[in-house]
Amino acid sequence: MNHEELRRKALTNRAVRSSYDNLLPEYSLLKRMLLARHRAGLTQAEIARRMGTKAPAIVRLEKSLESGMHSPSIDTIKKYAKAVNCRIDIKLVAA
């Protein structure tokens, strides 16, 4: 069984699907942040320097989005965006 087949099978479980759906915003943001960092050709240490912090803080930031255990502040996300030469665009979308 490959990853996609396993994911599809797991998502047939209502509890798994609910958890998955709840984490989609965090995963989407993390994916965009990582893509921006890679596009900018920057390491976590370089991002940290640009944000005026230390590399472990960037590791924690990226891990927190991956785990869904902590939501970073908009100010932190704005600083990260500026560090990778981006801006943020926040939208509310009707459900």
C-alpha atoms as a PDB file:
ATOM      1  CA  MET A   1       0.000   0.000   0.000  1.00  0.00           C
ATOM      2  CA  ASN A   2       1.458   3.372  -0.971  1.00  0.00           C
ATOM      3  CA  HIS A   3       1.051   6.660   0.913  1.00  0.00           C
ATOM      4  CA  GLU A   4      -1.905   7.903  -1.138  1.00  0.00           C
ATOM      5  CA  GLU A   5      -3.808   4.620  -0.705  1.00  0.00           C
ATOM      6  CA  LEU A   6      -3.159   4.683   3.042  1.00  0.00           C
ATOM      7  CA  ARG A   7      -4.307   8.316   3.267  1.00  0.00           C
ATOM      8  CA  ARG A   8      -7.479   7.578   1.324  1.00  0.00           C
ATOM      9  CA  LYS A   9      -8.255   4.569   3.509  1.00  0.00           C
ATOM     10  CA  ALA A  10      -7.584   6.472   6.750  1.00  0.00           C
ATOM     11  CA  LEU A  11      -9.840   9.340   5.670  1.00  0.00           C
ATOM     12  CA  THR A  12     -12.828   7.001   5.441  1.00  0.00           C
ATOM     13  CA  ASN A  13     -12.766   6.968   9.264  1.00  0.00           C
ATOM     14  CA  ARG A  14     -14.911   9.890  10.494  1.00  0.00           C
ATOM     15  CA  ALA A  15     -12.678  10.743  13.451  1.00  0.00           C
ATOM     16  CA  VAL A  16      -9.550  10.728  11.297  1.00  0.00           C
ATOM     17  CA  ARG A  17     -11.305  12.838   8.651  1.00  0.00           C
ATOM     18  CA  SER A  18     -12.409  15.373  11.254  1.00  0.00           C
ATOM     19  CA  SER A  19      -8.887  15.707  12.660  1.00  0.00           C
ATOM     20  CA  TYR A  20      -7.466  15.954   9.146  1.00  0.00           C
ATOM     21  CA  ASP A  21      -9.915  18.704   8.175  1.00  0.00           C
ATOM     22  CA  ASN A  22      -9.172  20.629  11.376  1.00  0.00           C
ATOM     23  CA  LEU A  23      -5.441  20.682  10.571  1.00  0.00           C
ATOM     24  CA  LEU A  24      -5.772  21.745   6.933  1.00  0.00           C
ATOM     25  CA  PRO A  25      -5.291  25.500   7.581  1.00  0.00           C
ATOM     26  CA  GLU A  26      -2.067  24.877   9.526  1.00  0.00           C
ATOM     27  CA  TYR A  27      -0.704  22.465   6.929  1.00  0.00           C
ATOM     28  CA  SER A  28      -1.580  24.854   4.130  1.00  0.00           C
ATOM     29  CA  LEU A  29       0.203  27.734   5.881  1.00  0.00           C
ATOM     30  CA  LEU A  30       3.230  25.573   6.671  1.00  0.00           C
ATOM     31  CA  LYS A  31       3.471  24.401   3.057  1.00  0.00           C
ATOM     32  CA  ARG A  32       3.383  28.002   1.809  1.00  0.00           C
ATOM     33  CA  MET A  33       5.967  29.127   4.376  1.00  0.00           C
ATOM     34  CA  LEU A  34       8.351  26.307   3.498  1.00  0.00           C
ATOM     35  CA  LEU A  35       7.930  26.943  -0.229  1.00  0.00           C
ATOM     36  CA  ALA A  36       8.657  30.653   0.306  1.00  0.00           C
ATOM     37  CA  ARG A  37      11.769  29.832   2.361  1.00  0.00           C
ATOM     38  CA  HIS A  38      13.049  27.400  -0.273  1.00  0.00           C
ATOM     39  CA  ARG A  39      12.243  29.820  -3.110  1.00  0.00           C
ATOM     40  CA  ALA A  40      14.223  32.500  -1.257  1.00  0.00           C
ATOM     41  CA  GLY A  41      17.081  30.003  -0.858  1.00  0.00           C
ATOM     42  CA  LEU A  42      17.265  30.612   2.887  1.00  0.00           C
ATOM     43  CA  THR A  43      18.013  28.307   5.796  1.00  0.00           C
ATOM     44  CA  GLN A  44      16.168  28.396   9.100  1.00  0.00           C
ATOM     45  CA  ALA A  45      19.208  30.129  10.598  1.00  0.00           C
ATOM     46  CA  GLU A  46      19.103  32.839   7.941  1.00  0.00           C
ATOM     47  CA  ILE A  47      15.368  33.362   8.501  1.00  0.00           C
ATOM     48  CA  ALA A  48      16.016  33.618  12.246  1.00  0.00           C
ATOM     49  CA  ARG A  49      18.729  36.213  11.728  1.00  0.00           C
ATOM     50  CA  ARG A  50      16.414  38.289   9.532  1.00  0.00           C
ATOM     51  CA  MET A  51      13.652  38.013  12.146  1.00  0.00           C
ATOM     52  CA  GLY A  52      15.995  38.943  14.993  1.00  0.00           C
ATOM     53  CA  THR A  53      15.742  35.574  16.721  1.00  0.00           C
ATOM     54  CA  LYS A  54      17.629  32.270  16.868  1.00  0.00           C
ATOM     55  CA  ALA A  55      17.346  29.229  14.587  1.00  0.00           C
ATOM     56  CA  PRO A  56      15.644  27.000  17.223  1.00  0.00           C
ATOM     57  CA  ALA A  57      12.752  29.488  17.272  1.00  0.00           C
ATOM     58  CA  ILE A  58      12.216  28.956  13.539  1.00  0.00           C
ATOM     59  CA  VAL A  59      12.429  25.191  13.988  1.00  0.00           C
ATOM     60  CA  ARG A  60       9.756  25.449  16.710  1.00  0.00           C
ATOM     61  CA  LEU A  61       7.610  27.711  14.532  1.00  0.00           C
ATOM     62  CA  GLU A  62       7.664  25.315  11.600  1.00  0.00           C
ATOM     63  CA  LYS A  63       7.174  22.274  13.861  1.00  0.00           C
ATOM     64  CA  SER A  64       4.252  23.940  15.674  1.00  0.00           C
ATOM     65  CA  LEU A  65       2.404  24.322  12.393  1.00  0.00           C
ATOM     66  CA  GLU A  66       3.193  20.734  11.463  1.00  0.00           C
ATOM     67  CA  SER A  67       1.869  19.387  14.748  1.00  0.00           C
ATOM     68  CA  GLY A  68      -1.067  21.775  15.111  1.00  0.00           C
ATOM     69  CA  MET A  69      -0.127  22.121  18.778  1.00  0.00           C
ATOM     70  CA  HIS A  70       0.445  25.875  18.653  1.00  0.00           C
ATOM     71  CA  SER A  71      -0.755  28.663  16.418  1.00  0.00           C
ATOM     72  CA  PRO A  72       1.802  31.396  15.810  1.00  0.00           C
ATOM     73  CA  SER A  73       0.680  35.007  16.068  1.00  0.00           C
ATOM     74  CA  ILE A  74      -0.056  37.028  12.965  1.00  0.00           C
ATOM     75  CA  ASP A  75       2.862  39.273  13.932  1.00  0.00           C
ATOM     76  CA  THR A  76       5.237  36.277  13.869  1.00  0.00           C
ATOM     77  CA  ILE A  77       3.899  35.173  10.496  1.00  0.00           C
ATOM     78  CA  LYS A  78       4.328  38.730   9.164  1.00  0.00           C
ATOM     79  CA  LYS A  79       7.957  38.761  10.336  1.00  0.00           C
ATOM     80  CA  TYR A  80       8.574  35.382   8.683  1.00  0.00           C
ATOM     81  CA  ALA A  81       6.950  36.614   5.468  1.00  0.00           C
ATOM     82  CA  LYS A  82       9.113  39.732   5.437  1.00  0.00           C
ATOM     83  CA  ALA A  83      12.217  37.592   6.044  1.00  0.00           C
ATOM     84  CA  VAL A  84      11.446  35.579   2.888  1.00  0.00           C
ATOM     85  CA  ASN A  85      10.512  38.685   0.877  1.00  0.00           C
ATOM     86  CA  CYS A  86       6.783  37.963   0.926  1.00  0.00           C
ATOM     87  CA  ARG A  87       3.659  39.494   2.387  1.00  0.00           C
ATOM     88  CA  ILE A  88       0.708  37.795   4.017  1.00  0.00           C
ATOM     89  CA  ASP A  89      -2.829  37.828   2.655  1.00  0.00           C
ATOM     90  CA  ILE A  90      -5.457  36.747   5.167  1.00  0.00           C
ATOM     91  CA  LYS A  91      -8.940  35.880   3.944  1.00  0.00           C
ATOM     92  CA  LEU A  92     -12.145  34.645   5.492  1.00  0.00           C
ATOM     93  CA  VAL A  93     -13.874  32.197   3.175  1.00  0.00           C
ATOM     94  CA  ALA A  94     -17.494  31.185   3.532  1.00  0.00           C
ATOM     95  CA  ALA A  95     -17.874  27.571   4.617  1.00  0.00           C
END
